[in-house]
Amino acid sequence: QFVESGGGLAQAGGSRRLSCTASGVVFKGK
């Protein structure tokens, strides 16, 4: 599965950075 992280609370106008990772088999060439 994919695993997401980086969420949370932000104020309007603000910023947030999300990350997502999975196995190489899933990512490769896709």
PDB file of all heavy atoms in Angstrom:
ATOM      1  N   GLN A   1       0.843  -1.178   0.000  1.00  0.00           N
ATOM      2  CA  GLN A   1       0.000   0.000   0.000  1.00  0.00           C
ATOM      3  C   GLN A   1       0.880   1.230   0.000  1.00  0.00           C
ATOM      4  O   GLN A   1       2.056   1.179   0.328  1.00  0.00           O
ATOM      5  CB  GLN A   1      -0.877   0.044   1.262  1.00  0.00           C
ATOM      6  CG  GLN A   1      -2.020  -0.936   1.294  1.00  0.00           C
ATOM      7  CD  GLN A   1      -2.838  -0.780   2.555  1.00  0.00           C
ATOM      8  OE1 GLN A   1      -2.299  -0.476   3.618  1.00  0.00           O
ATOM      9  NE2 GLN A   1      -4.135  -1.016   2.462  1.00  0.00           N
ATOM     10  N   PHE A   2       0.255   2.346  -0.361  1.00  0.00           N
ATOM     11  CA  PHE A   2       0.934   3.616  -0.194  1.00  0.00           C
ATOM     12  C   PHE A   2       0.784   4.074   1.260  1.00  0.00           C
ATOM     13  O   PHE A   2      -0.217   3.779   1.909  1.00  0.00           O
ATOM     14  CB  PHE A   2       0.325   4.666  -1.121  1.00  0.00           C
ATOM     15  CG  PHE A   2       0.740   4.534  -2.550  1.00  0.00           C
ATOM     16  CD1 PHE A   2      -0.022   3.798  -3.441  1.00  0.00           C
ATOM     17  CD2 PHE A   2       1.899   5.124  -3.007  1.00  0.00           C
ATOM     18  CE1 PHE A   2       0.368   3.661  -4.765  1.00  0.00           C
ATOM     19  CE2 PHE A   2       2.292   5.005  -4.325  1.00  0.00           C
ATOM     20  CZ  PHE A   2       1.531   4.272  -5.210  1.00  0.00           C
ATOM     21  N   VAL A   3       1.781   4.790   1.750  1.00  0.00           N
ATOM     22  CA  VAL A   3       1.753   5.322   3.108  1.00  0.00           C
ATOM     23  C   VAL A   3       1.947   6.829   3.026  1.00  0.00           C
ATOM     24  O   VAL A   3       2.991   7.298   2.554  1.00  0.00           O
ATOM     25  CB  VAL A   3       2.849   4.688   3.978  1.00  0.00           C
ATOM     26  CG1 VAL A   3       2.827   5.296   5.381  1.00  0.00           C
ATOM     27  CG2 VAL A   3       2.665   3.179   4.052  1.00  0.00           C
ATOM     28  N   GLU A   4       0.951   7.569   3.463  1.00  0.00           N
ATOM     29  CA  GLU A   4       0.971   9.016   3.401  1.00  0.00           C
ATOM     30  C   GLU A   4       1.296   9.613   4.774  1.00  0.00           C
ATOM     31  O   GLU A   4       0.926   9.041   5.803  1.00  0.00           O
ATOM     32  CB  GLU A   4      -0.405   9.549   2.943  1.00  0.00           C
ATOM     33  CG  GLU A   4      -0.864   9.046   1.585  1.00  0.00           C
ATOM     34  CD  GLU A   4      -1.664   7.758   1.675  1.00  0.00           C
ATOM     35  OE1 GLU A   4      -1.743   7.176   2.783  1.00  0.00           O
ATOM     36  OE2 GLU A   4      -2.198   7.322   0.627  1.00  0.00           O
ATOM     37  N   SER A   5       1.939  10.772   4.757  1.00  0.00           N
ATOM     38  CA  SER A   5       2.258  11.462   6.006  1.00  0.00           C
ATOM     39  C   SER A   5       2.368  12.962   5.750  1.00  0.00           C
ATOM     40  O   SER A   5       2.428  13.397   4.596  1.00  0.00           O
ATOM     41  CB  SER A   5       3.562  10.935   6.600  1.00  0.00           C
ATOM     42  OG  SER A   5       4.646  11.181   5.716  1.00  0.00           O
ATOM     43  N   GLY A   6       2.383  13.727   6.844  1.00  0.00           N
ATOM     44  CA  GLY A   6       2.586  15.167   6.741  1.00  0.00           C
ATOM     45  C   GLY A   6       1.349  16.016   6.937  1.00  0.00           C
ATOM     46  O   GLY A   6       1.426  17.246   6.928  1.00  0.00           O
ATOM     47  N   GLY A   7       0.214  15.383   7.111  1.00  0.00           N
ATOM     48  CA  GLY A   7      -1.013  16.143   7.298  1.00  0.00           C
ATOM     49  C   GLY A   7      -1.071  16.795   8.670  1.00  0.00           C
ATOM     50  O   GLY A   7      -0.201  16.607   9.516  1.00  0.00           O
ATOM     51  N   GLY A   8      -2.092  17.597   8.861  1.00  0.00           N
ATOM     52  CA  GLY A   8      -2.270  18.280  10.130  1.00  0.00           C
ATOM     53  C   GLY A   8      -3.124  19.518   9.946  1.00  0.00           C
ATOM     54  O   GLY A   8      -3.824  19.661   8.941  1.00  0.00           O
ATOM     55  N   LEU A   9      -2.995  20.409  10.908  1.00  0.00           N
ATOM     56  CA  LEU A   9      -3.795  21.635  10.900  1.00  0.00           C
ATOM     57  C   LEU A   9      -2.996  22.775  10.281  1.00  0.00           C
ATOM     58  O   LEU A   9      -1.803  22.904  10.544  1.00  0.00           O
ATOM     59  CB  LEU A   9      -4.184  21.986  12.331  1.00  0.00           C
ATOM     60  CG  LEU A   9      -5.101  23.183  12.541  1.00  0.00           C
ATOM     61  CD1 LEU A   9      -6.456  22.926  11.903  1.00  0.00           C
ATOM     62  CD2 LEU A   9      -5.243  23.467  14.030  1.00  0.00           C
ATOM     63  N   ALA A  10      -3.653  23.559   9.451  1.00  0.00           N
ATOM     64  CA  ALA A  10      -3.018  24.729   8.844  1.00  0.00           C
ATOM     65  C   ALA A  10      -4.026  25.864   8.800  1.00  0.00           C
ATOM     66  O   ALA A  10      -5.234  25.636   8.731  1.00  0.00           O
ATOM     67  CB  ALA A  10      -2.521  24.407   7.438  1.00  0.00           C
ATOM     68  N   GLN A  11      -3.517  27.061   8.817  1.00  0.00           N
ATOM     69  CA  GLN A  11      -4.378  28.237   8.683  1.00  0.00           C
ATOM     70  C   GLN A  11      -4.558  28.572   7.206  1.00  0.00           C
ATOM     71  O   GLN A  11      -3.684  28.254   6.376  1.00  0.00           O
ATOM     72  CB  GLN A  11      -3.767  29.428   9.416  1.00  0.00           C
ATOM     73  CG  GLN A  11      -3.802  29.295  10.925  1.00  0.00           C
ATOM     74  CD  GLN A  11      -3.394  30.584  11.615  1.00  0.00           C
ATOM     75  OE1 GLN A  11      -2.644  31.381  11.066  1.00  0.00           O
ATOM     76  NE2 GLN A  11      -3.896  30.787  12.823  1.00  0.00           N
ATOM     77  N   ALA A  12      -5.651  29.173   6.885  1.00  0.00           N
ATOM     78  CA  ALA A  12      -5.869  29.632   5.522  1.00  0.00           C
ATOM     79  C   ALA A  12      -4.719  30.550   5.108  1.00  0.00           C
ATOM     80  O   ALA A  12      -4.295  31.417   5.888  1.00  0.00           O
ATOM     81  CB  ALA A  12      -7.194  30.363   5.424  1.00  0.00           C
ATOM     82  N   GLY A  13      -4.204  30.306   3.917  1.00  0.00           N
ATOM     83  CA  GLY A  13      -3.056  31.054   3.437  1.00  0.00           C
ATOM     84  C   GLY A  13      -1.725  30.414   3.758  1.00  0.00           C
ATOM     85  O   GLY A  13      -0.683  30.850   3.262  1.00  0.00           O
ATOM     86  N   GLY A  14      -1.769  29.395   4.594  1.00  0.00           N
ATOM     87  CA  GLY A  14      -0.546  28.725   5.008  1.00  0.00           C
ATOM     88  C   GLY A  14      -0.134  27.619   4.055  1.00  0.00           C
ATOM     89  O   GLY A  14      -0.691  27.462   2.965  1.00  0.00           O
ATOM     90  N   SER A  15       0.850  26.834   4.507  1.00  0.00           N
ATOM     91  CA  SER A  15       1.423  25.778   3.676  1.00  0.00           C
ATOM     92  C   SER A  15       1.514  24.474   4.449  1.00  0.00           C
ATOM     93  O   SER A  15       1.528  24.464   5.684  1.00  0.00           O
ATOM     94  CB  SER A  15       2.827  26.180   3.200  1.00  0.00           C
ATOM     95  OG  SER A  15       2.789  27.347   2.406  1.00  0.00           O
ATOM     96  N   ARG A  16       1.579  23.418   3.682  1.00  0.00           N
ATOM     97  CA  ARG A  16       1.750  22.090   4.253  1.00  0.00           C
ATOM     98  C   ARG A  16       2.421  21.230   3.193  1.00  0.00           C
ATOM     99  O   ARG A  16       2.169  21.396   1.999  1.00  0.00           O
ATOM    100  CB  ARG A  16       0.390  21.501   4.613  1.00  0.00           C
ATOM    101  CG  ARG A  16       0.425  20.418   5.643  1.00  0.00           C
ATOM    102  CD  ARG A  16       0.453  20.985   7.041  1.00  0.00           C
ATOM    103  NE  ARG A  16       0.808  19.950   7.990  1.00  0.00           N
ATOM    104  CZ  ARG A  16       0.984  20.175   9.287  1.00  0.00           C
ATOM    105  NH1 ARG A  16       0.801  21.384   9.785  1.00  0.00           N
ATOM    106  NH2 ARG A  16       1.316  19.182  10.079  1.00  0.00           N
ATOM    107  N   ARG A  17       3.275  20.276   3.623  1.00  0.00           N
ATOM    108  CA  ARG A  17       3.931  19.378   2.684  1.00  0.00           C
ATOM    109  C   ARG A  17       3.616  17.943   3.047  1.00  0.00           C
ATOM    110  O   ARG A  17       3.896  17.499   4.165  1.00  0.00           O
ATOM    111  CB  ARG A  17       5.448  19.580   2.707  1.00  0.00           C
ATOM    112  CG  ARG A  17       6.182  18.832   1.602  1.00  0.00           C
ATOM    113  CD  ARG A  17       7.660  18.812   1.865  1.00  0.00           C
ATOM    114  NE  ARG A  17       8.446  18.411   0.701  1.00  0.00           N
ATOM    115  CZ  ARG A  17       9.630  17.815   0.786  1.00  0.00           C
ATOM    116  NH1 ARG A  17      10.168  17.581   1.978  1.00  0.00           N
ATOM    117  NH2 ARG A  17      10.292  17.497  -0.315  1.00  0.00           N
ATOM    118  N   LEU A  18       3.052  17.235   2.091  1.00  0.00           N
ATOM    119  CA  LEU A  18       2.717  15.828   2.281  1.00  0.00           C
ATOM    120  C   LEU A  18       3.770  14.946   1.615  1.00  0.00           C
ATOM    121  O   LEU A  18       4.354  15.319   0.601  1.00  0.00           O
ATOM    122  CB  LEU A  18       1.346  15.519   1.689  1.00  0.00           C
ATOM    123  CG  LEU A  18       0.166  16.343   2.223  1.00  0.00           C
ATOM    124  CD1 LEU A  18      -1.118  15.888   1.522  1.00  0.00           C
ATOM    125  CD2 LEU A  18       0.041  16.205   3.714  1.00  0.00           C
ATOM    126  N   SER A  19       3.970  13.774   2.194  1.00  0.00           N
ATOM    127  CA  SER A  19       4.876  12.781   1.624  1.00  0.00           C
ATOM    128  C   SER A  19       4.129  11.474   1.450  1.00  0.00           C
ATOM    129  O   SER A  19       3.203  11.163   2.207  1.00  0.00           O
ATOM    130  CB  SER A  19       6.086  12.560   2.524  1.00  0.00           C
ATOM    131  OG  SER A  19       6.828  13.741   2.694  1.00  0.00           O
ATOM    132  N   CYS A  20       4.570  10.694   0.492  1.00  0.00           N
ATOM    133  CA  CYS A  20       3.934   9.412   0.210  1.00  0.00           C
ATOM    134  C   CYS A  20       5.019   8.447  -0.239  1.00  0.00           C
ATOM    135  O   CYS A  20       5.837   8.780  -1.085  1.00  0.00           O
ATOM    136  CB  CYS A  20       2.889   9.599  -0.876  1.00  0.00           C
ATOM    137  SG  CYS A  20       2.329   8.084  -1.624  1.00  0.00           S
ATOM    138  N   THR A  21       5.007   7.264   0.307  1.00  0.00           N
ATOM    139  CA  THR A  21       5.995   6.291  -0.078  1.00  0.00           C
ATOM    140  C   THR A  21       5.367   4.926  -0.264  1.00  0.00           C
ATOM    141  O   THR A  21       4.285   4.650   0.263  1.00  0.00           O
ATOM    142  CB  THR A  21       7.110   6.214   0.979  1.00  0.00           C
ATOM    143  OG1 THR A  21       8.168   5.401   0.498  1.00  0.00           O
ATOM    144  CG2 THR A  21       6.593   5.653   2.291  1.00  0.00           C
ATOM    145  N   ALA A  22       6.025   4.089  -1.047  1.00  0.00           N
ATOM    146  CA  ALA A  22       5.585   2.717  -1.264  1.00  0.00           C
ATOM    147  C   ALA A  22       6.802   1.932  -1.739  1.00  0.00           C
ATOM    148  O   ALA A  22       7.895   2.476  -1.863  1.00  0.00           O
ATOM    149  CB  ALA A  22       4.454   2.656  -2.275  1.00  0.00           C
ATOM    150  N   SER A  23       6.607   0.671  -1.975  1.00  0.00           N
ATOM    151  CA  SER A  23       7.726  -0.154  -2.399  1.00  0.00           C
ATOM    152  C   SER A  23       8.170   0.227  -3.810  1.00  0.00           C
ATOM    153  O   SER A  23       7.420   0.808  -4.578  1.00  0.00           O
ATOM    154  CB  SER A  23       7.333  -1.625  -2.370  1.00  0.00           C
ATOM    155  OG  SER A  23       6.421  -1.884  -3.420  1.00  0.00           O
ATOM    156  N   GLY A  24       9.406  -0.112  -4.127  1.00  0.00           N
ATOM    157  CA  GLY A  24       9.933   0.191  -5.444  1.00  0.00           C
ATOM    158  C   GLY A  24       9.177  -0.492  -6.560  1.00  0.00           C
ATOM    159  O   GLY A  24       9.041   0.044  -7.654  1.00  0.00           O
ATOM    160  N   VAL A  25       8.652  -1.651  -6.258  1.00  0.00           N
ATOM    161  CA  VAL A  25       7.883  -2.383  -7.257  1.00  0.00           C
ATOM    162  C   VAL A  25       6.677  -1.575  -7.692  1.00  0.00           C
ATOM    163  O   VAL A  25       6.283  -1.565  -8.849  1.00  0.00           O
ATOM    164  CB  VAL A  25       7.438  -3.749  -6.702  1.00  0.00           C
ATOM    165  CG1 VAL A  25       6.485  -4.429  -7.678  1.00  0.00           C
ATOM    166  CG2 VAL A  25       8.647  -4.624  -6.440  1.00  0.00           C
ATOM    167  N   VAL A  26       6.076  -0.886  -6.739  1.00  0.00           N
ATOM    168  CA  VAL A  26       4.883  -0.099  -7.040  1.00  0.00           C
ATOM    169  C   VAL A  26       5.247   1.154  -7.814  1.00  0.00           C
ATOM    170  O   VAL A  26       4.567   1.554  -8.744  1.00  0.00           O
ATOM    171  CB  VAL A  26       4.154   0.270  -5.735  1.00  0.00           C
ATOM    172  CG1 VAL A  26       3.007   1.238  -6.008  1.00  0.00           C
ATOM    173  CG2 VAL A  26       3.641  -0.980  -5.043  1.00  0.00           C
ATOM    174  N   PHE A  27       6.329   1.810  -7.438  1.00  0.00           N
ATOM    175  CA  PHE A  27       6.688   3.103  -8.003  1.00  0.00           C
ATOM    176  C   PHE A  27       7.302   3.010  -9.394  1.00  0.00           C
ATOM    177  O   PHE A  27       7.056   3.885 -10.227  1.00  0.00           O
ATOM    178  CB  PHE A  27       7.705   3.789  -7.082  1.00  0.00           C
ATOM    179  CG  PHE A  27       7.112   4.816  -6.183  1.00  0.00           C
ATOM    180  CD1 PHE A  27       6.371   4.438  -5.098  1.00  0.00           C
ATOM    181  CD2 PHE A  27       7.316   6.165  -6.425  1.00  0.00           C
ATOM    182  CE1 PHE A  27       5.820   5.378  -4.244  1.00  0.00           C
ATOM    183  CE2 PHE A  27       6.767   7.117  -5.584  1.00  0.00           C
ATOM    184  CZ  PHE A  27       6.022   6.722  -4.484  1.00  0.00           C
ATOM    185  N   LYS A  28       8.077   1.982  -9.634  1.00  0.00           N
ATOM    186  CA  LYS A  28       8.937   1.964 -10.809  1.00  0.00           C
ATOM    187  C   LYS A  28       8.156   2.128 -12.093  1.00  0.00           C
ATOM    188  O   LYS A  28       7.263   1.330 -12.400  1.00  0.00           O
ATOM    189  CB  LYS A  28       9.740   0.665 -10.838  1.00  0.00           C
ATOM    190  CG  LYS A  28      10.799   0.637 -11.916  1.00  0.00           C
ATOM    191  CD  LYS A  28      11.654  -0.615 -11.805  1.00  0.00           C
ATOM    192  CE  LYS A  28      12.762  -0.617 -12.845  1.00  0.00           C
ATOM    193  NZ  LYS A  28      13.620  -1.822 -12.746  1.00  0.00           N
ATOM    194  N   GLY A  29       8.503   3.161 -12.858  1.00  0.00           N
ATOM    195  CA  GLY A  29       7.925   3.366 -14.168  1.00  0.00           C
ATOM    196  C   GLY A  29       6.477   3.810 -14.185  1.00  0.00           C
ATOM    197  O   GLY A  29       5.862   3.858 -15.244  1.00  0.00           O
ATOM    198  N   LYS A  30       5.924   4.142 -13.036  1.00  0.00           N
ATOM    199  CA  LYS A  30       4.499   4.445 -12.967  1.00  0.00           C
ATOM    200  C   LYS A  30       4.246   5.938 -12.759  1.00  0.00           C
ATOM    201  O   LYS A  30       5.055   6.651 -12.187  1.00  0.00           O
ATOM    202  CB  LYS A  30       3.852   3.691 -11.805  1.00  0.00           C
ATOM    203  CG  LYS A  30       4.016   2.190 -11.845  1.00  0.00           C
ATOM    204  CD  LYS A  30       3.291   1.558 -12.980  1.00  0.00           C
ATOM    205  CE  LYS A  30       3.116   0.066 -12.805  1.00  0.00           C
ATOM    206  NZ  LYS A  30       4.383  -0.631 -12.568  1.00  0.00           N
TER     207      LYS A  30
END
